[in-house]
Amino acid sequence: MLSKQAKEAIKIAQSIKTQQSDDLTPEQAVFLRKDADKNNSIPIPSDIKLESLDDPKGELYHYGTSNENVLLFIHGGAYATGSVKSRRNLCFGLIKRLGYDAFSVDYRQWPEAKHPAAQEDVMNAYKFLKKRYKHIFIFGESAGATLALTLTLQLKAEGLSLPDKIAVFSPVITQINILPSEYLLQERDPMLLGAGAPVPYFDEPYKKDPLISPIYGDYKGFPPLMINCGSEEVKYDDSKILNFLCQKNNVDVTWTVWQDLFHVFVLFDMPETDQALNQIARFLK
């Protein structure tokens, strides 16, 4: 049974969804990003030291007692509307459970940039962290989950050192919105519209490129992976297929489906979010 807070979160998400459109304009993307910062960003807690970086761009949070472990945090937002500041609460919730430092990468988005800008930025962030830390763990949500996958696929293809573990929440593995859940769950996911136009960040969303749509990726030798999603989200089949691809290639994969919940519900403050973050932290430790 859903908590009272989860039911309230669904109402809030539904009110946001009614304002969505397949035709996101550049002005709307910038406004939504700034609005998210205004309404969702939180101050830095006293026990976390912030180091703002320009290259790679982002926020490095010093929290852990060990200088060996770091979490690379990759926010979502359809490569257009997400931000580092608006995801601070989620990032802090993870690192306080982990006891790790974290770097939340401020990758380039549309309309200021297009693919492969975000890919280049997360790669740059990973290489920067590799010089400072022995162990890198990755968490990404929605588009950030996609980037967590494409980053690791690129590292693997180039024969570079891979992250220790990866946790993805509500991943998107194809940019062309043809999976059944895009249609079947469109009225049940209060967070996202289904079967819409591809996000404008990609000039070639139909290209069979694993760095665009990781459904085309080679998962042999992939690090341990945890997948989380809601049972009601339009991207449900993305998680289902990702889990299948990993199982097929003998990846150490864990897939958790949160019943009656929606796309990236961990952005909301509720008991189910605490349960999910506790589980993810146990996996990443």
C-alpha atoms as a PDB file:
ATOM      1  CA  MET A   1       0.000   0.000   0.000  1.00  0.00           C
ATOM      2  CA  LEU A   2       1.305   3.416  -0.920  1.00  0.00           C
ATOM      3  CA  SER A   3       2.158   5.855   1.826  1.00  0.00           C
ATOM      4  CA  LYS A   4       0.204   9.063   2.320  1.00  0.00           C
ATOM      5  CA  GLN A   5       3.226  11.001   1.061  1.00  0.00           C
ATOM      6  CA  ALA A   6       3.406   8.863  -2.101  1.00  0.00           C
ATOM      7  CA  LYS A   7      -0.251   9.519  -2.892  1.00  0.00           C
ATOM      8  CA  GLU A   8       0.375  13.242  -2.458  1.00  0.00           C
ATOM      9  CA  ALA A   9       3.452  13.014  -4.702  1.00  0.00           C
ATOM     10  CA  ILE A  10       1.324  11.415  -7.425  1.00  0.00           C
ATOM     11  CA  LYS A  11      -1.078  14.363  -7.270  1.00  0.00           C
ATOM     12  CA  ILE A  12       1.826  16.799  -7.572  1.00  0.00           C
ATOM     13  CA  ALA A  13       3.329  14.859 -10.485  1.00  0.00           C
ATOM     14  CA  GLN A  14      -0.038  14.775 -12.244  1.00  0.00           C
ATOM     15  CA  SER A  15      -0.287  18.555 -12.014  1.00  0.00           C
ATOM     16  CA  ILE A  16       3.161  18.832 -13.613  1.00  0.00           C
ATOM     17  CA  LYS A  17       2.297  16.327 -16.323  1.00  0.00           C
ATOM     18  CA  THR A  18      -0.737  18.327 -17.458  1.00  0.00           C
ATOM     19  CA  GLN A  19       1.657  21.172 -18.291  1.00  0.00           C
ATOM     20  CA  GLN A  20       3.914  18.988 -20.438  1.00  0.00           C
ATOM     21  CA  SER A  21       4.080  19.100 -24.208  1.00  0.00           C
ATOM     22  CA  ASP A  22       5.820  17.093 -26.890  1.00  0.00           C
ATOM     23  CA  ASP A  23       7.079  20.376 -28.350  1.00  0.00           C
ATOM     24  CA  LEU A  24       9.451  21.703 -25.708  1.00  0.00           C
ATOM     25  CA  THR A  25      10.801  25.096 -26.771  1.00  0.00           C
ATOM     26  CA  PRO A  26      14.291  26.335 -25.905  1.00  0.00           C
ATOM     27  CA  GLU A  27      12.764  29.022 -23.714  1.00  0.00           C
ATOM     28  CA  GLN A  28      10.678  26.479 -21.811  1.00  0.00           C
ATOM     29  CA  ALA A  29      13.685  24.230 -21.218  1.00  0.00           C
ATOM     30  CA  VAL A  30      15.727  27.058 -19.727  1.00  0.00           C
ATOM     31  CA  PHE A  31      12.765  28.254 -17.639  1.00  0.00           C
ATOM     32  CA  LEU A  32      12.039  24.779 -16.264  1.00  0.00           C
ATOM     33  CA  ARG A  33      15.689  24.335 -15.298  1.00  0.00           C
ATOM     34  CA  LYS A  34      15.778  27.657 -13.455  1.00  0.00           C
ATOM     35  CA  ASP A  35      12.400  26.975 -11.865  1.00  0.00           C
ATOM     36  CA  ALA A  36      13.631  23.608 -10.604  1.00  0.00           C
ATOM     37  CA  ASP A  37      16.653  25.288  -9.034  1.00  0.00           C
ATOM     38  CA  LYS A  38      14.446  27.897  -7.398  1.00  0.00           C
ATOM     39  CA  ASN A  39      11.923  25.459  -5.948  1.00  0.00           C
ATOM     40  CA  ASN A  40      13.938  22.291  -5.311  1.00  0.00           C
ATOM     41  CA  SER A  41      17.549  23.196  -4.521  1.00  0.00           C
ATOM     42  CA  ILE A  42      18.634  23.028  -0.898  1.00  0.00           C
ATOM     43  CA  PRO A  43      21.561  24.600   0.969  1.00  0.00           C
ATOM     44  CA  ILE A  44      24.742  22.629   1.579  1.00  0.00           C
ATOM     45  CA  PRO A  45      24.555  20.842   4.981  1.00  0.00           C
ATOM     46  CA  SER A  46      27.195  21.776   7.537  1.00  0.00           C
ATOM     47  CA  ASP A  47      28.801  18.325   7.370  1.00  0.00           C
ATOM     48  CA  ILE A  48      29.328  18.522   3.592  1.00  0.00           C
ATOM     49  CA  LYS A  49      32.010  20.729   2.071  1.00  0.00           C
ATOM     50  CA  LEU A  50      31.240  22.050  -1.414  1.00  0.00           C
ATOM     51  CA  GLU A  51      33.954  22.442  -4.034  1.00  0.00           C
ATOM     52  CA  SER A  52      32.591  24.087  -7.187  1.00  0.00           C
ATOM     53  CA  LEU A  53      34.499  23.058 -10.300  1.00  0.00           C
ATOM     54  CA  ASP A  54      34.619  24.463 -13.814  1.00  0.00           C
ATOM     55  CA  ASP A  55      36.540  21.654 -15.530  1.00  0.00           C
ATOM     56  CA  PRO A  56      34.819  19.308 -15.221  1.00  0.00           C
ATOM     57  CA  LYS A  57      31.858  21.512 -14.421  1.00  0.00           C
ATOM     58  CA  GLY A  58      29.852  20.483 -11.401  1.00  0.00           C
ATOM     59  CA  GLU A  59      29.741  20.263  -7.630  1.00  0.00           C
ATOM     60  CA  LEU A  60      32.189  18.097  -5.681  1.00  0.00           C
ATOM     61  CA  TYR A  61      30.819  17.233  -2.249  1.00  0.00           C
ATOM     62  CA  HIS A  62      33.410  16.272   0.351  1.00  0.00           C
ATOM     63  CA  TYR A  63      31.730  14.060   2.913  1.00  0.00           C
ATOM     64  CA  GLY A  64      33.404  10.707   3.270  1.00  0.00           C
ATOM     65  CA  THR A  65      36.170   9.971   5.755  1.00  0.00           C
ATOM     66  CA  SER A  66      38.005   7.981   3.093  1.00  0.00           C
ATOM     67  CA  ASN A  67      39.586   9.581   0.045  1.00  0.00           C
ATOM     68  CA  GLU A  68      39.301   6.328  -1.917  1.00  0.00           C
ATOM     69  CA  ASN A  69      35.574   6.192  -2.750  1.00  0.00           C
ATOM     70  CA  VAL A  70      33.463   8.629  -4.753  1.00  0.00           C
ATOM     71  CA  LEU A  71      29.989   8.621  -6.251  1.00  0.00           C
ATOM     72  CA  LEU A  72      29.576  10.079  -9.737  1.00  0.00           C
ATOM     73  CA  PHE A  73      26.027  11.440  -9.654  1.00  0.00           C
ATOM     74  CA  ILE A  74      24.302  12.103 -12.998  1.00  0.00           C
ATOM     75  CA  HIS A  75      20.983  13.933 -12.923  1.00  0.00           C
ATOM     76  CA  GLY A  76      18.125  13.439 -15.356  1.00  0.00           C
ATOM     77  CA  GLY A  77      15.746  15.816 -17.094  1.00  0.00           C
ATOM     78  CA  ALA A  78      15.553  14.669 -20.742  1.00  0.00           C
ATOM     79  CA  TYR A  79      18.920  16.331 -21.487  1.00  0.00           C
ATOM     80  CA  ALA A  80      17.167  19.700 -21.132  1.00  0.00           C
ATOM     81  CA  THR A  81      15.379  20.480 -17.861  1.00  0.00           C
ATOM     82  CA  GLY A  82      17.428  18.870 -15.071  1.00  0.00           C
ATOM     83  CA  SER A  83      20.140  20.475 -12.980  1.00  0.00           C
ATOM     84  CA  VAL A  84      22.748  19.813 -10.334  1.00  0.00           C
ATOM     85  CA  LYS A  85      21.172  22.112  -7.757  1.00  0.00           C
ATOM     86  CA  SER A  86      17.665  20.701  -8.088  1.00  0.00           C
ATOM     87  CA  ARG A  87      19.017  17.179  -7.476  1.00  0.00           C
ATOM     88  CA  ARG A  88      21.104  18.031  -4.398  1.00  0.00           C
ATOM     89  CA  ASN A  89      18.635  16.451  -1.994  1.00  0.00           C
ATOM     90  CA  LEU A  90      18.731  13.132  -3.835  1.00  0.00           C
ATOM     91  CA  CYS A  91      22.525  13.187  -4.080  1.00  0.00           C
ATOM     92  CA  PHE A  92      22.950  14.064  -0.393  1.00  0.00           C
ATOM     93  CA  GLY A  93      20.533  11.308   0.564  1.00  0.00           C
ATOM     94  CA  LEU A  94      22.775   8.784  -1.159  1.00  0.00           C
ATOM     95  CA  ILE A  95      26.175   9.954   0.058  1.00  0.00           C
ATOM     96  CA  LYS A  96      25.029  10.241   3.672  1.00  0.00           C
ATOM     97  CA  ARG A  97      24.035   6.598   3.471  1.00  0.00           C
ATOM     98  CA  LEU A  98      27.264   5.654   1.715  1.00  0.00           C
ATOM     99  CA  GLY A  99      29.832   7.785   3.520  1.00  0.00           C
ATOM    100  CA  TYR A 100      31.414   8.660   0.155  1.00  0.00           C
ATOM    101  CA  ASP A 101      32.371  11.919  -1.505  1.00  0.00           C
ATOM    102  CA  ALA A 102      30.313  12.699  -4.604  1.00  0.00           C
ATOM    103  CA  PHE A 103      30.626  14.682  -7.804  1.00  0.00           C
ATOM    104  CA  SER A 104      27.397  15.877  -9.421  1.00  0.00           C
ATOM    105  CA  VAL A 105      28.324  16.604 -13.010  1.00  0.00           C
ATOM    106  CA  ASP A 106      26.827  19.697 -14.652  1.00  0.00           C
ATOM    107  CA  TYR A 107      26.792  18.358 -18.192  1.00  0.00           C
ATOM    108  CA  ARG A 108      25.786  20.431 -21.207  1.00  0.00           C
ATOM    109  CA  GLN A 109      22.137  20.181 -22.258  1.00  0.00           C
ATOM    110  CA  TRP A 110      19.754  21.347 -24.954  1.00  0.00           C
ATOM    111  CA  PRO A 111      19.242  24.059 -26.151  1.00  0.00           C
ATOM    112  CA  GLU A 112      22.796  25.208 -25.371  1.00  0.00           C
ATOM    113  CA  ALA A 113      24.292  21.981 -26.735  1.00  0.00           C
ATOM    114  CA  LYS A 114      23.500  18.712 -28.467  1.00  0.00           C
ATOM    115  CA  HIS A 115      24.821  15.140 -28.474  1.00  0.00           C
ATOM    116  CA  PRO A 116      27.598  14.195 -27.817  1.00  0.00           C
ATOM    117  CA  ALA A 117      28.208  17.135 -25.447  1.00  0.00           C
ATOM    118  CA  ALA A 118      26.776  15.392 -22.361  1.00  0.00           C
ATOM    119  CA  GLN A 119      28.679  12.199 -23.194  1.00  0.00           C
ATOM    120  CA  GLU A 120      31.926  14.160 -23.409  1.00  0.00           C
ATOM    121  CA  ASP A 121      31.206  15.904 -20.112  1.00  0.00           C
ATOM    122  CA  VAL A 122      30.480  12.748 -18.113  1.00  0.00           C
ATOM    123  CA  MET A 123      33.569  11.111 -19.610  1.00  0.00           C
ATOM    124  CA  ASN A 124      35.643  14.128 -18.601  1.00  0.00           C
ATOM    125  CA  ALA A 125      34.194  13.957 -15.082  1.00  0.00           C
ATOM    126  CA  TYR A 126      34.962  10.240 -14.808  1.00  0.00           C
ATOM    127  CA  LYS A 127      38.574  10.680 -15.902  1.00  0.00           C
ATOM    128  CA  PHE A 128      38.970  13.568 -13.443  1.00  0.00           C
ATOM    129  CA  LEU A 129      37.648  11.467 -10.559  1.00  0.00           C
ATOM    130  CA  LYS A 130      39.838   8.519 -11.561  1.00  0.00           C
ATOM    131  CA  LYS A 131      42.903  10.677 -10.847  1.00  0.00           C
ATOM    132  CA  ARG A 132      41.643  11.495  -7.350  1.00  0.00           C
ATOM    133  CA  TYR A 133      39.877   8.338  -6.173  1.00  0.00           C
ATOM    134  CA  LYS A 134      40.567   4.616  -6.240  1.00  0.00           C
ATOM    135  CA  HIS A 135      36.943   3.469  -6.488  1.00  0.00           C
ATOM    136  CA  ILE A 136      34.206   5.143  -8.562  1.00  0.00           C
ATOM    137  CA  PHE A 137      30.541   4.271  -8.176  1.00  0.00           C
ATOM    138  CA  ILE A 138      27.878   5.726 -10.463  1.00  0.00           C
ATOM    139  CA  PHE A 139      24.259   6.683  -9.895  1.00  0.00           C
ATOM    140  CA  GLY A 140      22.044   8.115 -12.604  1.00  0.00           C
ATOM    141  CA  GLU A 141      18.318   8.804 -12.916  1.00  0.00           C
ATOM    142  CA  SER A 142      16.290   8.952 -16.150  1.00  0.00           C
ATOM    143  CA  ALA A 143      18.534  10.631 -18.762  1.00  0.00           C
ATOM    144  CA  GLY A 144      21.309  10.484 -16.159  1.00  0.00           C
ATOM    145  CA  ALA A 145      20.794   6.726 -15.996  1.00  0.00           C
ATOM    146  CA  THR A 146      21.187   6.593 -19.768  1.00  0.00           C
ATOM    147  CA  LEU A 147      24.436   8.534 -19.473  1.00  0.00           C
ATOM    148  CA  ALA A 148      25.655   6.166 -16.759  1.00  0.00           C
ATOM    149  CA  LEU A 149      25.138   3.306 -19.208  1.00  0.00           C
ATOM    150  CA  THR A 150      26.598   5.050 -22.267  1.00  0.00           C
ATOM    151  CA  LEU A 151      29.613   6.232 -20.272  1.00  0.00           C
ATOM    152  CA  THR A 152      30.374   2.684 -19.159  1.00  0.00           C
ATOM    153  CA  LEU A 153      29.808   1.286 -22.644  1.00  0.00           C
ATOM    154  CA  GLN A 154      32.286   3.823 -24.039  1.00  0.00           C
ATOM    155  CA  LEU A 155      34.841   3.085 -21.319  1.00  0.00           C
ATOM    156  CA  LYS A 156      34.522  -0.620 -22.076  1.00  0.00           C
ATOM    157  CA  ALA A 157      34.805  -0.111 -25.834  1.00  0.00           C
ATOM    158  CA  GLU A 158      37.966   1.971 -25.347  1.00  0.00           C
ATOM    159  CA  GLY A 159      39.528  -0.539 -22.966  1.00  0.00           C
ATOM    160  CA  LEU A 160      39.559   1.888 -20.034  1.00  0.00           C
ATOM    161  CA  SER A 161      39.056   1.168 -16.353  1.00  0.00           C
ATOM    162  CA  LEU A 162      35.398   0.621 -15.479  1.00  0.00           C
ATOM    163  CA  PRO A 163      33.431   1.883 -12.461  1.00  0.00           C
ATOM    164  CA  ASP A 164      33.110  -0.489  -9.515  1.00  0.00           C
ATOM    165  CA  LYS A 165      29.298  -0.554  -9.505  1.00  0.00           C
ATOM    166  CA  ILE A 166      26.435   1.292 -11.191  1.00  0.00           C
ATOM    167  CA  ALA A 167      22.900   2.021  -9.986  1.00  0.00           C
ATOM    168  CA  VAL A 168      20.359   3.355 -12.476  1.00  0.00           C
ATOM    169  CA  PHE A 169      16.874   4.630 -11.674  1.00  0.00           C
ATOM    170  CA  SER A 170      14.207   4.710 -14.397  1.00  0.00           C
ATOM    171  CA  PRO A 171      16.737   4.286 -17.230  1.00  0.00           C
ATOM    172  CA  VAL A 172      15.950   5.174 -20.842  1.00  0.00           C
ATOM    173  CA  ILE A 173      17.638   2.772 -23.256  1.00  0.00           C
ATOM    174  CA  THR A 174      16.121   3.879 -26.560  1.00  0.00           C
ATOM    175  CA  GLN A 175      15.359   7.388 -27.798  1.00  0.00           C
ATOM    176  CA  ILE A 176      12.616   6.469 -30.269  1.00  0.00           C
ATOM    177  CA  ASN A 177       9.757   5.605 -27.887  1.00  0.00           C
ATOM    178  CA  ILE A 178       8.486   2.425 -29.549  1.00  0.00           C
ATOM    179  CA  LEU A 179       8.277   0.079 -26.558  1.00  0.00           C
ATOM    180  CA  PRO A 180       4.809  -1.126 -25.454  1.00  0.00           C
ATOM    181  CA  SER A 181       4.908   0.569 -22.049  1.00  0.00           C
ATOM    182  CA  GLU A 182       5.167   3.947 -23.804  1.00  0.00           C
ATOM    183  CA  TYR A 183       1.588   3.372 -24.927  1.00  0.00           C
ATOM    184  CA  LEU A 184       0.111   1.028 -22.325  1.00  0.00           C
ATOM    185  CA  LEU A 185       1.171   3.004 -19.250  1.00  0.00           C
ATOM    186  CA  GLN A 186       0.758   6.505 -20.641  1.00  0.00           C
ATOM    187  CA  GLU A 187      -2.310   7.162 -18.485  1.00  0.00           C
ATOM    188  CA  ARG A 188      -0.816   5.520 -15.389  1.00  0.00           C
ATOM    189  CA  ASP A 189       2.518   7.335 -15.100  1.00  0.00           C
ATOM    190  CA  PRO A 190       1.814  10.695 -13.443  1.00  0.00           C
ATOM    191  CA  MET A 191       5.305  11.959 -14.246  1.00  0.00           C
ATOM    192  CA  LEU A 192       5.818  11.452 -17.985  1.00  0.00           C
ATOM    193  CA  LEU A 193       3.938  11.521 -21.246  1.00  0.00           C
ATOM    194  CA  GLY A 194       4.405   8.376 -23.294  1.00  0.00           C
ATOM    195  CA  ALA A 195       5.185   7.758 -26.961  1.00  0.00           C
ATOM    196  CA  GLY A 196       6.183  11.360 -27.594  1.00  0.00           C
ATOM    197  CA  ALA A 197       8.651  12.853 -29.998  1.00  0.00           C
ATOM    198  CA  PRO A 198      12.361  12.138 -29.357  1.00  0.00           C
ATOM    199  CA  VAL A 199      14.101  14.642 -27.127  1.00  0.00           C
ATOM    200  CA  PRO A 200      15.569  17.532 -29.172  1.00  0.00           C
ATOM    201  CA  TYR A 201      19.062  16.967 -27.744  1.00  0.00           C
ATOM    202  CA  PHE A 202      19.674  14.249 -30.358  1.00  0.00           C
ATOM    203  CA  ASP A 203      19.939  15.092 -34.074  1.00  0.00           C
ATOM    204  CA  GLU A 204      19.839  11.380 -34.968  1.00  0.00           C
ATOM    205  CA  PRO A 205      17.620   9.680 -32.364  1.00  0.00           C
ATOM    206  CA  TYR A 206      16.909   6.752 -34.725  1.00  0.00           C
ATOM    207  CA  LYS A 207      20.571   5.920 -35.216  1.00  0.00           C
ATOM    208  CA  LYS A 208      21.597   2.492 -33.916  1.00  0.00           C
ATOM    209  CA  ASP A 209      24.351   3.931 -31.763  1.00  0.00           C
ATOM    210  CA  PRO A 210      24.850   2.581 -28.208  1.00  0.00           C
ATOM    211  CA  LEU A 211      25.980   6.046 -27.094  1.00  0.00           C
ATOM    212  CA  ILE A 212      22.544   7.347 -28.095  1.00  0.00           C
ATOM    213  CA  SER A 213      20.375   4.334 -27.294  1.00  0.00           C
ATOM    214  CA  PRO A 214      22.140   1.813 -25.025  1.00  0.00           C
ATOM    215  CA  ILE A 215      19.708  -0.892 -26.107  1.00  0.00           C
ATOM    216  CA  TYR A 216      22.332  -1.450 -28.827  1.00  0.00           C
ATOM    217  CA  GLY A 217      25.193  -1.798 -26.343  1.00  0.00           C
ATOM    218  CA  ASP A 218      27.496  -4.748 -25.697  1.00  0.00           C
ATOM    219  CA  TYR A 219      27.065  -5.689 -22.020  1.00  0.00           C
ATOM    220  CA  LYS A 220      29.658  -8.446 -21.853  1.00  0.00           C
ATOM    221  CA  GLY A 221      32.019  -7.634 -18.988  1.00  0.00           C
ATOM    222  CA  PHE A 222      29.749  -4.887 -17.632  1.00  0.00           C
ATOM    223  CA  PRO A 223      30.211  -4.008 -13.924  1.00  0.00           C
ATOM    224  CA  PRO A 224      27.613  -5.014 -11.304  1.00  0.00           C
ATOM    225  CA  LEU A 225      24.417  -3.134 -12.049  1.00  0.00           C
ATOM    226  CA  MET A 226      21.292  -2.289 -10.051  1.00  0.00           C
ATOM    227  CA  ILE A 227      18.144  -1.246 -11.941  1.00  0.00           C
ATOM    228  CA  ASN A 228      15.190   0.423 -10.228  1.00  0.00           C
ATOM    229  CA  CYS A 229      11.901   1.526 -11.762  1.00  0.00           C
ATOM    230  CA  GLY A 230       8.242   2.003 -10.945  1.00  0.00           C
ATOM    231  CA  SER A 231       5.602  -0.448 -12.120  1.00  0.00           C
ATOM    232  CA  GLU A 232       3.517   2.406 -13.552  1.00  0.00           C
ATOM    233  CA  GLU A 233       6.110   4.272 -15.575  1.00  0.00           C
ATOM    234  CA  VAL A 234       6.083   4.630 -19.332  1.00  0.00           C
ATOM    235  CA  LYS A 235       9.760   3.645 -19.369  1.00  0.00           C
ATOM    236  CA  TYR A 236       9.066   0.336 -17.606  1.00  0.00           C
ATOM    237  CA  ASP A 237       9.992  -1.744 -20.651  1.00  0.00           C
ATOM    238  CA  ASP A 238      13.369   0.023 -20.850  1.00  0.00           C
ATOM    239  CA  SER A 239      14.271  -1.452 -17.458  1.00  0.00           C
ATOM    240  CA  LYS A 240      12.853  -4.837 -18.395  1.00  0.00           C
ATOM    241  CA  ILE A 241      14.922  -5.069 -21.579  1.00  0.00           C
ATOM    242  CA  LEU A 242      18.064  -3.731 -19.889  1.00  0.00           C
ATOM    243  CA  ASN A 243      17.737  -6.431 -17.251  1.00  0.00           C
ATOM    244  CA  PHE A 244      17.339  -9.062 -19.997  1.00  0.00           C
ATOM    245  CA  LEU A 245      20.390  -7.820 -21.911  1.00  0.00           C
ATOM    246  CA  CYS A 246      22.485  -7.962 -18.754  1.00  0.00           C
ATOM    247  CA  GLN A 247      21.269 -11.414 -17.751  1.00  0.00           C
ATOM    248  CA  LYS A 248      21.944 -12.645 -21.287  1.00  0.00           C
ATOM    249  CA  ASN A 249      25.550 -11.455 -20.961  1.00  0.00           C
ATOM    250  CA  ASN A 250      26.081 -12.818 -17.424  1.00  0.00           C
ATOM    251  CA  VAL A 251      26.216  -9.395 -15.783  1.00  0.00           C
ATOM    252  CA  ASP A 252      25.705  -9.299 -12.012  1.00  0.00           C
ATOM    253  CA  VAL A 253      22.384  -7.444 -12.299  1.00  0.00           C
ATOM    254  CA  THR A 254      19.630  -6.687  -9.782  1.00  0.00           C
ATOM    255  CA  TRP A 255      16.260  -5.354 -10.933  1.00  0.00           C
ATOM    256  CA  THR A 256      13.710  -3.940  -8.497  1.00  0.00           C
ATOM    257  CA  VAL A 257      10.225  -2.863  -9.549  1.00  0.00           C
ATOM    258  CA  TRP A 258       8.447  -0.570  -7.086  1.00  0.00           C
ATOM    259  CA  GLN A 259       4.760  -1.390  -7.223  1.00  0.00           C
ATOM    260  CA  ASP A 260       2.284   1.403  -8.001  1.00  0.00           C
ATOM    261  CA  LEU A 261       5.066   3.978  -8.324  1.00  0.00           C
ATOM    262  CA  PHE A 262       6.183   6.150 -11.171  1.00  0.00           C
ATOM    263  CA  HIS A 263       9.158   7.515 -13.100  1.00  0.00           C
ATOM    264  CA  VAL A 264      12.002   8.638 -10.776  1.00  0.00           C
ATOM    265  CA  PHE A 265       9.764   8.757  -7.712  1.00  0.00           C
ATOM    266  CA  VAL A 266      12.902   9.171  -5.561  1.00  0.00           C
ATOM    267  CA  LEU A 267      12.783  12.874  -6.360  1.00  0.00           C
ATOM    268  CA  PHE A 268       9.944  13.096  -3.837  1.00  0.00           C
ATOM    269  CA  ASP A 269      10.253  13.026  -0.053  1.00  0.00           C
ATOM    270  CA  MET A 270       8.354   9.919   1.069  1.00  0.00           C
ATOM    271  CA  PRO A 271       8.937   6.602   2.876  1.00  0.00           C
ATOM    272  CA  GLU A 272       9.277   4.700  -0.393  1.00  0.00           C
ATOM    273  CA  THR A 273      12.156   6.972  -1.377  1.00  0.00           C
ATOM    274  CA  ASP A 274      13.938   6.182   1.897  1.00  0.00           C
ATOM    275  CA  GLN A 275      13.471   2.465   1.259  1.00  0.00           C
ATOM    276  CA  ALA A 276      14.813   2.748  -2.284  1.00  0.00           C
ATOM    277  CA  LEU A 277      17.852   4.818  -1.271  1.00  0.00           C
ATOM    278  CA  ASN A 278      18.657   2.414   1.567  1.00  0.00           C
ATOM    279  CA  GLN A 279      18.604  -0.469  -0.918  1.00  0.00           C
ATOM    280  CA  ILE A 280      20.747   1.380  -3.456  1.00  0.00           C
ATOM    281  CA  ALA A 281      23.270   2.335  -0.775  1.00  0.00           C
ATOM    282  CA  ARG A 282      23.562  -1.286   0.374  1.00  0.00           C
ATOM    283  CA  PHE A 283      24.297  -2.268  -3.217  1.00  0.00           C
ATOM    284  CA  LEU A 284      26.877   0.467  -3.783  1.00  0.00           C
ATOM    285  CA  LYS A 285      28.794  -0.176  -0.565  1.00  0.00           C
END
